PDB file of N, CA and C in Angstrom:
ATOM      1  N   MET A   1     -14.060 -19.067  -5.428  1.00  0.00           N
ATOM      2  CA  MET A   1     -12.976 -19.988  -5.150  1.00  0.00           C
ATOM      3  C   MET A   1     -12.147 -19.443  -3.990  1.00  0.00           C
ATOM      4  N   MET A   2     -12.782 -19.278  -2.867  1.00  0.00           N
ATOM      5  CA  MET A   2     -12.106 -18.751  -1.687  1.00  0.00           C
ATOM      6  C   MET A   2     -10.937 -19.653  -1.300  1.00  0.00           C
ATOM      7  N   GLY A   3      -9.753 -19.051  -1.165  1.00  0.00           N
ATOM      8  CA  GLY A   3      -8.581 -19.802  -0.740  1.00  0.00           C
ATOM      9  C   GLY A   3      -7.971 -20.663  -1.822  1.00  0.00           C
ATOM     10  N   LYS A   4      -8.453 -20.577  -3.023  1.00  0.00           N
ATOM     11  CA  LYS A   4      -7.950 -21.389  -4.130  1.00  0.00           C
ATOM     12  C   LYS A   4      -7.461 -20.468  -5.242  1.00  0.00           C
ATOM     13  N   THR A   5      -6.447 -19.697  -4.921  1.00  0.00           N
ATOM     14  CA  THR A   5      -5.955 -18.675  -5.835  1.00  0.00           C
ATOM     15  C   THR A   5      -5.463 -19.268  -7.144  1.00  0.00           C
ATOM     16  N   GLU A   6      -4.716 -20.359  -7.066  1.00  0.00           N
ATOM     17  CA  GLU A   6      -4.175 -20.960  -8.297  1.00  0.00           C
ATOM     18  C   GLU A   6      -5.290 -21.392  -9.241  1.00  0.00           C
ATOM     19  N   GLY A   7      -6.328 -22.019  -8.703  1.00  0.00           N
ATOM     20  CA  GLY A   7      -7.464 -22.446  -9.521  1.00  0.00           C
ATOM     21  C   GLY A   7      -8.216 -21.261 -10.103  1.00  0.00           C
ATOM     22  N   ALA A   8      -8.359 -20.220  -9.290  1.00  0.00           N
ATOM     23  CA  ALA A   8      -9.048 -19.013  -9.761  1.00  0.00           C
ATOM     24  C   ALA A   8      -8.258 -18.345 -10.880  1.00  0.00           C
ATOM     25  N   LEU A   9      -6.936 -18.264 -10.715  1.00  0.00           N
ATOM     26  CA  LEU A   9      -6.104 -17.658 -11.758  1.00  0.00           C
ATOM     27  C   LEU A   9      -6.128 -18.477 -13.043  1.00  0.00           C
ATOM     28  N   LYS A  10      -6.133 -19.794 -12.892  1.00  0.00           N
ATOM     29  CA  LYS A  10      -6.188 -20.656 -14.084  1.00  0.00           C
ATOM     30  C   LYS A  10      -7.506 -20.420 -14.828  1.00  0.00           C
ATOM     31  N   ALA A  11      -8.599 -20.379 -14.093  1.00  0.00           N
ATOM     32  CA  ALA A  11      -9.914 -20.191 -14.711  1.00  0.00           C
ATOM     33  C   ALA A  11     -10.031 -18.809 -15.354  1.00  0.00           C
ATOM     34  N   ILE A  12      -9.548 -17.786 -14.675  1.00  0.00           N
ATOM     35  CA  ILE A  12      -9.683 -16.438 -15.225  1.00  0.00           C
ATOM     36  C   ILE A  12      -8.755 -16.235 -16.413  1.00  0.00           C
ATOM     37  N   ASN A  13      -7.589 -16.864 -16.391  1.00  0.00           N
ATOM     38  CA  ASN A  13      -6.691 -16.774 -17.549  1.00  0.00           C
ATOM     39  C   ASN A  13      -7.300 -17.445 -18.777  1.00  0.00           C
ATOM     40  N   GLU A  14      -8.009 -18.543 -18.561  1.00  0.00           N
ATOM     41  CA  GLU A  14      -8.724 -19.190 -19.669  1.00  0.00           C
ATOM     42  C   GLU A  14      -9.802 -18.264 -20.219  1.00  0.00           C
ATOM     43  N   ALA A  15     -10.502 -17.574 -19.318  1.00  0.00           N
ATOM     44  CA  ALA A  15     -11.542 -16.634 -19.745  1.00  0.00           C
ATOM     45  C   ALA A  15     -10.934 -15.473 -20.523  1.00  0.00           C
ATOM     46  N   VAL A  16      -9.774 -14.987 -20.088  1.00  0.00           N
ATOM     47  CA  VAL A  16      -9.098 -13.896 -20.799  1.00  0.00           C
ATOM     48  C   VAL A  16      -8.648 -14.358 -22.174  1.00  0.00           C
ATOM     49  N   GLU A  17      -8.119 -15.588 -22.256  1.00  0.00           N
ATOM     50  CA  GLU A  17      -7.715 -16.127 -23.561  1.00  0.00           C
ATOM     51  C   GLU A  17      -8.914 -16.271 -24.487  1.00  0.00           C
ATOM     52  N   HIS A  18     -10.045 -16.689 -23.935  1.00  0.00           N
ATOM     53  CA  HIS A  18     -11.250 -16.888 -24.739  1.00  0.00           C
ATOM     54  C   HIS A  18     -11.797 -15.558 -25.255  1.00  0.00           C
ATOM     55  N   THR A  19     -11.883 -14.551 -24.369  1.00  0.00           N
ATOM     56  CA  THR A  19     -12.438 -13.251 -24.731  1.00  0.00           C
ATOM     57  C   THR A  19     -11.529 -12.152 -24.178  1.00  0.00           C
ATOM     58  N   PRO A  20     -10.444 -11.839 -24.895  1.00  0.00           N
ATOM     59  CA  PRO A  20      -9.483 -10.863 -24.377  1.00  0.00           C
ATOM     60  C   PRO A  20      -9.992  -9.427 -24.330  1.00  0.00           C
ATOM     61  N   THR A  21     -11.131  -9.164 -24.943  1.00  0.00           N
ATOM     62  CA  THR A  21     -11.667  -7.798 -24.952  1.00  0.00           C
ATOM     63  C   THR A  21     -12.777  -7.592 -23.920  1.00  0.00           C
ATOM     64  N   ALA A  22     -12.992  -8.552 -23.049  1.00  0.00           N
ATOM     65  CA  ALA A  22     -14.022  -8.434 -22.015  1.00  0.00           C
ATOM     66  C   ALA A  22     -13.460  -7.691 -20.807  1.00  0.00           C
ATOM     67  N   VAL A  23     -13.884  -6.461 -20.637  1.00  0.00           N
ATOM     68  CA  VAL A  23     -13.378  -5.612 -19.551  1.00  0.00           C
ATOM     69  C   VAL A  23     -13.698  -6.231 -18.196  1.00  0.00           C
ATOM     70  N   ASP A  24     -14.886  -6.783 -18.034  1.00  0.00           N
ATOM     71  CA  ASP A  24     -15.286  -7.367 -16.755  1.00  0.00           C
ATOM     72  C   ASP A  24     -14.403  -8.548 -16.355  1.00  0.00           C
ATOM     73  N   VAL A  25     -13.989  -9.334 -17.328  1.00  0.00           N
ATOM     74  CA  VAL A  25     -13.110 -10.476 -17.038  1.00  0.00           C
ATOM     75  C   VAL A  25     -11.765  -9.973 -16.517  1.00  0.00           C
ATOM     76  N   LEU A  26     -11.250  -8.920 -17.132  1.00  0.00           N
ATOM     77  CA  LEU A  26      -9.981  -8.360 -16.678  1.00  0.00           C
ATOM     78  C   LEU A  26     -10.115  -7.716 -15.303  1.00  0.00           C
ATOM     79  N   LYS A  27     -11.283  -7.153 -15.005  1.00  0.00           N
ATOM     80  CA  LYS A  27     -11.521  -6.584 -13.676  1.00  0.00           C
ATOM     81  C   LYS A  27     -11.509  -7.684 -12.616  1.00  0.00           C
ATOM     82  N   VAL A  28     -12.137  -8.813 -12.931  1.00  0.00           N
ATOM     83  CA  VAL A  28     -12.142  -9.940 -11.989  1.00  0.00           C
ATOM     84  C   VAL A  28     -10.722 -10.473 -11.802  1.00  0.00           C
ATOM     85  N   LYS A  29      -9.962 -10.532 -12.895  1.00  0.00           N
ATOM     86  CA  LYS A  29      -8.568 -10.987 -12.787  1.00  0.00           C
ATOM     87  C   LYS A  29      -7.792 -10.059 -11.861  1.00  0.00           C
ATOM     88  N   SER A  30      -8.009  -8.757 -11.988  1.00  0.00           N
ATOM     89  CA  SER A  30      -7.300  -7.814 -11.125  1.00  0.00           C
ATOM     90  C   SER A  30      -7.685  -8.010  -9.657  1.00  0.00           C
ATOM     91  N   GLN A  31      -8.944  -8.320  -9.407  1.00  0.00           N
ATOM     92  CA  GLN A  31      -9.390  -8.551  -8.026  1.00  0.00           C
ATOM     93  C   GLN A  31      -8.745  -9.814  -7.449  1.00  0.00           C
ATOM     94  N   ILE A  32      -8.638 -10.854  -8.263  1.00  0.00           N
ATOM     95  CA  ILE A  32      -8.000 -12.091  -7.809  1.00  0.00           C
ATOM     96  C   ILE A  32      -6.535 -11.819  -7.476  1.00  0.00           C
ATOM     97  N   LEU A  33      -5.843 -11.102  -8.358  1.00  0.00           N
ATOM     98  CA  LEU A  33      -4.434 -10.794  -8.127  1.00  0.00           C
ATOM     99  C   LEU A  33      -4.254  -9.906  -6.900  1.00  0.00           C
ATOM    100  N   LYS A  34      -5.188  -8.968  -6.691  1.00  0.00           N
ATOM    101  CA  LYS A  34      -5.117  -8.108  -5.506  1.00  0.00           C
ATOM    102  C   LYS A  34      -5.216  -8.948  -4.235  1.00  0.00           C
ATOM    103  N   ARG A  35      -6.160  -9.858  -4.218  1.00  0.00           N
ATOM    104  CA  ARG A  35      -6.342 -10.703  -3.027  1.00  0.00           C
ATOM    105  C   ARG A  35      -5.186 -11.671  -2.827  1.00  0.00           C
ATOM    106  N   ALA A  36      -4.475 -11.979  -3.918  1.00  0.00           N
ATOM    107  CA  ALA A  36      -3.305 -12.848  -3.820  1.00  0.00           C
ATOM    108  C   ALA A  36      -2.069 -12.069  -3.378  1.00  0.00           C
ATOM    109  N   GLY A  37      -2.184 -10.733  -3.327  1.00  0.00           N
ATOM    110  CA  GLY A  37      -1.072  -9.907  -2.890  1.00  0.00           C
ATOM    111  C   GLY A  37      -0.180  -9.405  -4.007  1.00  0.00           C
ATOM    112  N   ASP A  38      -0.579  -9.641  -5.254  1.00  0.00           N
ATOM    113  CA  ASP A  38       0.211  -9.198  -6.412  1.00  0.00           C
ATOM    114  C   ASP A  38      -0.342  -7.864  -6.905  1.00  0.00           C
ATOM    115  N   LEU A  39       0.078  -6.776  -6.258  1.00  0.00           N
ATOM    116  CA  LEU A  39      -0.465  -5.460  -6.599  1.00  0.00           C
ATOM    117  C   LEU A  39      -0.074  -5.014  -8.001  1.00  0.00           C
ATOM    118  N   GLN A  40       1.157  -5.309  -8.424  1.00  0.00           N
ATOM    119  CA  GLN A  40       1.563  -4.896  -9.768  1.00  0.00           C
ATOM    120  C   GLN A  40       0.793  -5.683 -10.829  1.00  0.00           C
ATOM    121  N   GLY A  41       0.585  -6.973 -10.612  1.00  0.00           N
ATOM    122  CA  GLY A  41      -0.224  -7.767 -11.532  1.00  0.00           C
ATOM    123  C   GLY A  41      -1.658  -7.272 -11.573  1.00  0.00           C
ATOM    124  N   CYS A  42      -2.156  -6.874 -10.420  1.00  0.00           N
ATOM    125  CA  CYS A  42      -3.499  -6.308 -10.303  1.00  0.00           C
ATOM    126  C   CYS A  42      -3.608  -5.044 -11.147  1.00  0.00           C
ATOM    127  N   VAL A  43      -2.624  -4.158 -11.015  1.00  0.00           N
ATOM    128  CA  VAL A  43      -2.612  -2.906 -11.778  1.00  0.00           C
ATOM    129  C   VAL A  43      -2.518  -3.203 -13.270  1.00  0.00           C
ATOM    130  N   ASP A  44      -1.661  -4.144 -13.651  1.00  0.00           N
ATOM    131  CA  ASP A  44      -1.496  -4.481 -15.070  1.00  0.00           C
ATOM    132  C   ASP A  44      -2.806  -4.983 -15.676  1.00  0.00           C
ATOM    133  N   ALA A  45      -3.515  -5.841 -14.939  1.00  0.00           N
ATOM    134  CA  ALA A  45      -4.772  -6.395 -15.447  1.00  0.00           C
ATOM    135  C   ALA A  45      -5.843  -5.318 -15.584  1.00  0.00           C
ATOM    136  N   VAL A  46      -5.994  -4.483 -14.570  1.00  0.00           N
ATOM    137  CA  VAL A  46      -7.036  -3.457 -14.629  1.00  0.00           C
ATOM    138  C   VAL A  46      -6.683  -2.380 -15.656  1.00  0.00           C
ATOM    139  N   GLU A  47      -5.395  -2.093 -15.839  1.00  0.00           N
ATOM    140  CA  GLU A  47      -4.984  -1.126 -16.856  1.00  0.00           C
ATOM    141  C   GLU A  47      -5.283  -1.653 -18.258  1.00  0.00           C
ATOM    142  N   THR A  48      -5.065  -2.934 -18.468  1.00  0.00           N
ATOM    143  CA  THR A  48      -5.399  -3.543 -19.758  1.00  0.00           C
ATOM    144  C   THR A  48      -6.885  -3.382 -20.038  1.00  0.00           C
ATOM    145  N   GLY A  49      -7.710  -3.637 -19.036  1.00  0.00           N
ATOM    146  CA  GLY A  49      -9.152  -3.471 -19.189  1.00  0.00           C
ATOM    147  C   GLY A  49      -9.542  -2.018 -19.385  1.00  0.00           C
ATOM    148  N   ARG A  50      -8.908  -1.127 -18.656  1.00  0.00           N
ATOM    149  CA  ARG A  50      -9.215   0.300 -18.756  1.00  0.00           C
ATOM    150  C   ARG A  50      -8.922   0.829 -20.154  1.00  0.00           C
ATOM    151  N   LEU A  51      -7.834   0.377 -20.739  1.00  0.00           N
ATOM    152  CA  LEU A  51      -7.457   0.839 -22.069  1.00  0.00           C
ATOM    153  C   LEU A  51      -8.409   0.332 -23.160  1.00  0.00           C
ATOM    154  N   LEU A  52      -9.169  -0.713 -22.850  1.00  0.00           N
ATOM    155  CA  LEU A  52     -10.156  -1.222 -23.804  1.00  0.00           C
ATOM    156  C   LEU A  52     -11.391  -0.332 -23.877  1.00  0.00           C
ATOM    157  N   ASP A  53     -11.705   0.356 -22.784  1.00  0.00           N
ATOM    158  CA  ASP A  53     -12.897   1.209 -22.748  1.00  0.00           C
ATOM    159  C   ASP A  53     -12.597   2.456 -21.920  1.00  0.00           C
ATOM    160  N   LEU A  54     -12.037   3.451 -22.560  1.00  0.00           N
ATOM    161  CA  LEU A  54     -11.618   4.665 -21.860  1.00  0.00           C
ATOM    162  C   LEU A  54     -12.793   5.505 -21.355  1.00  0.00           C
ATOM    163  N   ALA A  55     -13.992   5.248 -21.844  1.00  0.00           N
ATOM    164  CA  ALA A  55     -15.157   6.029 -21.428  1.00  0.00           C
ATOM    165  C   ALA A  55     -15.873   5.425 -20.218  1.00  0.00           C
ATOM    166  N   ASP A  56     -15.420   4.277 -19.744  1.00  0.00           N
ATOM    167  CA  ASP A  56     -16.063   3.593 -18.628  1.00  0.00           C
ATOM    168  C   ASP A  56     -15.552   4.170 -17.302  1.00  0.00           C
ATOM    169  N   ARG A  57     -16.404   4.925 -16.628  1.00  0.00           N
ATOM    170  CA  ARG A  57     -15.997   5.555 -15.369  1.00  0.00           C
ATOM    171  C   ARG A  57     -15.692   4.528 -14.284  1.00  0.00           C
ATOM    172  N   TYR A  58     -16.438   3.433 -14.262  1.00  0.00           N
ATOM    173  CA  TYR A  58     -16.238   2.428 -13.216  1.00  0.00           C
ATOM    174  C   TYR A  58     -14.846   1.822 -13.307  1.00  0.00           C
ATOM    175  N   ILE A  59     -14.444   1.384 -14.489  1.00  0.00           N
ATOM    176  CA  ILE A  59     -13.135   0.741 -14.629  1.00  0.00           C
ATOM    177  C   ILE A  59     -12.020   1.757 -14.435  1.00  0.00           C
ATOM    178  N   ASN A  60     -12.246   3.010 -14.821  1.00  0.00           N
ATOM    179  CA  ASN A  60     -11.252   4.056 -14.572  1.00  0.00           C
ATOM    180  C   ASN A  60     -11.092   4.299 -13.073  1.00  0.00           C
ATOM    181  N   THR A  61     -12.198   4.262 -12.343  1.00  0.00           N
ATOM    182  CA  THR A  61     -12.142   4.438 -10.896  1.00  0.00           C
ATOM    183  C   THR A  61     -11.402   3.281 -10.239  1.00  0.00           C
ATOM    184  N   LYS A  62     -11.690   2.054 -10.686  1.00  0.00           N
ATOM    185  CA  LYS A  62     -10.978   0.883 -10.161  1.00  0.00           C
ATOM    186  C   LYS A  62      -9.490   0.985 -10.455  1.00  0.00           C
ATOM    187  N   ALA A  63      -9.154   1.399 -11.674  1.00  0.00           N
ATOM    188  CA  ALA A  63      -7.743   1.536 -12.039  1.00  0.00           C
ATOM    189  C   ALA A  63      -7.062   2.559 -11.134  1.00  0.00           C
ATOM    190  N   THR A  64      -7.732   3.667 -10.884  1.00  0.00           N
ATOM    191  CA  THR A  64      -7.170   4.691  -9.998  1.00  0.00           C
ATOM    192  C   THR A  64      -6.948   4.133  -8.598  1.00  0.00           C
ATOM    193  N   LYS A  65      -7.929   3.428  -8.104  1.00  0.00           N
ATOM    194  CA  LYS A  65      -7.846   2.843  -6.761  1.00  0.00           C
ATOM    195  C   LYS A  65      -6.671   1.869  -6.654  1.00  0.00           C
ATOM    196  N   TYR A  66      -6.530   0.987  -7.637  1.00  0.00           N
ATOM    197  CA  TYR A  66      -5.450  -0.004  -7.600  1.00  0.00           C
ATOM    198  C   TYR A  66      -4.087   0.642  -7.836  1.00  0.00           C
ATOM    199  N   LEU A  67      -4.020   1.689  -8.652  1.00  0.00           N
ATOM    200  CA  LEU A  67      -2.766   2.413  -8.833  1.00  0.00           C
ATOM    201  C   LEU A  67      -2.330   3.065  -7.523  1.00  0.00           C
ATOM    202  N   LEU A  68      -3.279   3.620  -6.791  1.00  0.00           N
ATOM    203  CA  LEU A  68      -2.947   4.217  -5.494  1.00  0.00           C
ATOM    204  C   LEU A  68      -2.464   3.159  -4.506  1.00  0.00           C
ATOM    205  N   ARG A  69      -3.109   2.001  -4.505  1.00  0.00           N
ATOM    206  CA  ARG A  69      -2.676   0.925  -3.613  1.00  0.00           C
ATOM    207  C   ARG A  69      -1.260   0.458  -3.937  1.00  0.00           C
ATOM    208  N   ALA A  70      -0.898   0.510  -5.217  1.00  0.00           N
ATOM    209  CA  ALA A  70       0.437   0.089  -5.641  1.00  0.00           C
ATOM    210  C   ALA A  70       1.434   1.245  -5.550  1.00  0.00           C
ATOM    211  N   ASN A  71       1.002   2.366  -4.978  1.00  0.00           N
ATOM    212  CA  ASN A  71       1.830   3.554  -4.776  1.00  0.00           C
ATOM    213  C   ASN A  71       2.296   4.187  -6.089  1.00  0.00           C
ATOM    214  N   ASN A  72       1.465   4.106  -7.117  1.00  0.00           N
ATOM    215  CA  ASN A  72       1.727   4.770  -8.395  1.00  0.00           C
ATOM    216  C   ASN A  72       0.888   6.046  -8.439  1.00  0.00           C
ATOM    217  N   ILE A  73       1.278   7.015  -7.648  1.00  0.00           N
ATOM    218  CA  ILE A  73       0.486   8.222  -7.432  1.00  0.00           C
ATOM    219  C   ILE A  73       0.314   9.038  -8.716  1.00  0.00           C
ATOM    220  N   LYS A  74       1.398   9.275  -9.433  1.00  0.00           N
ATOM    221  CA  LYS A  74       1.332  10.101 -10.647  1.00  0.00           C
ATOM    222  C   LYS A  74       0.423   9.463 -11.694  1.00  0.00           C
ATOM    223  N   GLU A  75       0.548   8.152 -11.884  1.00  0.00           N
ATOM    224  CA  GLU A  75      -0.316   7.465 -12.855  1.00  0.00           C
ATOM    225  C   GLU A  75      -1.773   7.536 -12.423  1.00  0.00           C
ATOM    226  N   ALA A  76      -2.025   7.399 -11.127  1.00  0.00           N
ATOM    227  CA  ALA A  76      -3.394   7.482 -10.610  1.00  0.00           C
ATOM    228  C   ALA A  76      -3.986   8.863 -10.875  1.00  0.00           C
ATOM    229  N   GLU A  77      -3.189   9.893 -10.683  1.00  0.00           N
ATOM    230  CA  GLU A  77      -3.663  11.255 -10.954  1.00  0.00           C
ATOM    231  C   GLU A  77      -4.001  11.433 -12.426  1.00  0.00           C
ATOM    232  N   GLN A  78      -3.204  10.850 -13.311  1.00  0.00           N
ATOM    233  CA  GLN A  78      -3.466  10.957 -14.743  1.00  0.00           C
ATOM    234  C   GLN A  78      -4.769  10.259 -15.116  1.00  0.00           C
ATOM    235  N   VAL A  79      -5.004   9.092 -14.534  1.00  0.00           N
ATOM    236  CA  VAL A  79      -6.215   8.338 -14.853  1.00  0.00           C
ATOM    237  C   VAL A  79      -7.453   9.061 -14.336  1.00  0.00           C
ATOM    238  N   VAL A  80      -7.402   9.526 -13.096  1.00  0.00           N
ATOM    239  CA  VAL A  80      -8.574  10.182 -12.523  1.00  0.00           C
ATOM    240  C   VAL A  80      -8.840  11.515 -13.207  1.00  0.00           C
ATOM    241  N   SER A  81      -7.815  12.138 -13.753  1.00  0.00           N
ATOM    242  CA  SER A  81      -8.023  13.428 -14.415  1.00  0.00           C
ATOM    243  C   SER A  81      -8.786  13.298 -15.729  1.00  0.00           C
ATOM    244  N   LEU A  82      -8.959  12.082 -16.223  1.00  0.00           N
ATOM    245  CA  LEU A  82      -9.737  11.881 -17.443  1.00  0.00           C
ATOM    246  C   LEU A  82     -11.189  12.309 -17.265  1.00  0.00           C
ATOM    247  N   PHE A  83     -11.683  12.307 -16.030  1.00  0.00           N
ATOM    248  CA  PHE A  83     -13.073  12.624 -15.768  1.00  0.00           C
ATOM    249  C   PHE A  83     -13.249  13.902 -14.965  1.00  0.00           C
ATOM    250  N   THR A  84     -12.240  14.731 -14.990  1.00  0.00           N
ATOM    251  CA  THR A  84     -12.365  16.025 -14.339  1.00  0.00           C
ATOM    252  C   THR A  84     -12.328  17.117 -15.402  1.00  0.00           C
ATOM    253  N   LYS A  85     -12.767  18.291 -15.029  1.00  0.00           N
ATOM    254  CA  LYS A  85     -12.691  19.420 -15.952  1.00  0.00           C
ATOM    255  C   LYS A  85     -11.226  19.763 -16.175  1.00  0.00           C
ATOM    256  N   HIS A  86     -10.889  20.072 -17.389  1.00  0.00           N
ATOM    257  CA  HIS A  86      -9.498  20.361 -17.693  1.00  0.00           C
ATOM    258  C   HIS A  86      -9.170  21.843 -17.544  1.00  0.00           C
ATOM    259  N   GLU A  87     -10.092  22.588 -16.993  1.00  0.00           N
ATOM    260  CA  GLU A  87      -9.857  24.008 -16.750  1.00  0.00           C
ATOM    261  C   GLU A  87      -9.228  24.137 -15.370  1.00  0.00           C
ATOM    262  N   GLY A  88      -8.006  24.587 -15.307  1.00  0.00           N
ATOM    263  CA  GLY A  88      -7.360  24.798 -14.017  1.00  0.00           C
ATOM    264  C   GLY A  88      -6.827  23.508 -13.425  1.00  0.00           C
ATOM    265  N   ASP A  89      -6.867  23.445 -12.111  1.00  0.00           N
ATOM    266  CA  ASP A  89      -6.293  22.342 -11.351  1.00  0.00           C
ATOM    267  C   ASP A  89      -7.269  21.171 -11.277  1.00  0.00           C
ATOM    268  N   SER A  90      -6.865  20.012 -11.791  1.00  0.00           N
ATOM    269  CA  SER A  90      -7.755  18.845 -11.776  1.00  0.00           C
ATOM    270  C   SER A  90      -7.977  18.328 -10.361  1.00  0.00           C
ATOM    271  N   GLN A  91      -6.990  18.485  -9.473  1.00  0.00           N
ATOM    272  CA  GLN A  91      -7.161  18.040  -8.084  1.00  0.00           C
ATOM    273  C   GLN A  91      -8.210  18.885  -7.364  1.00  0.00           C
ATOM    274  N   ALA A  92      -8.214  20.182  -7.628  1.00  0.00           N
ATOM    275  CA  ALA A  92      -9.218  21.058  -7.019  1.00  0.00           C
ATOM    276  C   ALA A  92     -10.610  20.681  -7.526  1.00  0.00           C
ATOM    277  N   ASN A  93     -10.708  20.382  -8.821  1.00  0.00           N
ATOM    278  CA  ASN A  93     -11.996  19.966  -9.384  1.00  0.00           C
ATOM    279  C   ASN A  93     -12.451  18.652  -8.774  1.00  0.00           C
ATOM    280  N   LEU A  94     -11.541  17.736  -8.574  1.00  0.00           N
ATOM    281  CA  LEU A  94     -11.861  16.441  -7.968  1.00  0.00           C
ATOM    282  C   LEU A  94     -12.373  16.641  -6.544  1.00  0.00           C
ATOM    283  N   PHE A  95     -11.744  17.531  -5.807  1.00  0.00           N
ATOM    284  CA  PHE A  95     -12.183  17.842  -4.445  1.00  0.00           C
ATOM    285  C   PHE A  95     -13.591  18.420  -4.453  1.00  0.00           C
ATOM    286  N   GLU A  96     -13.887  19.305  -5.407  1.00  0.00           N
ATOM    287  CA  GLU A  96     -15.209  19.910  -5.508  1.00  0.00           C
ATOM    288  C   GLU A  96     -16.283  18.869  -5.840  1.00  0.00           C
ATOM    289  N   MET A  97     -15.931  17.871  -6.666  1.00  0.00           N
ATOM    290  CA  MET A  97     -16.907  16.861  -7.077  1.00  0.00           C
ATOM    291  C   MET A  97     -17.290  15.932  -5.934  1.00  0.00           C
ATOM    292  N   GLN A  98     -16.481  15.877  -4.896  1.00  0.00           N
ATOM    293  CA  GLN A  98     -16.817  15.001  -3.769  1.00  0.00           C
ATOM    294  C   GLN A  98     -18.054  15.540  -3.104  1.00  0.00           C
TER     295      GLN A  98
END
């Protein structure tokens, strides 16, 4: 629905109401909100999805990315640290994993 943000949001909200535990639906909602310029709404949607499946690296990575875009640096560091070694500095471990 290129250029039809209102229609896309209406459709995705219906999908969220129908299946509120579908992580992929919440990820799509976050992408729609990001493209609409609502970074905080984008973060809220992806965080809701992330909390449904804490073991999903993909959604955690998306959440980190959107948190950084919304300038929520500390929260982004907390989310990304879920998949780093907890021995020592998590930022150093993240750098090593690159």
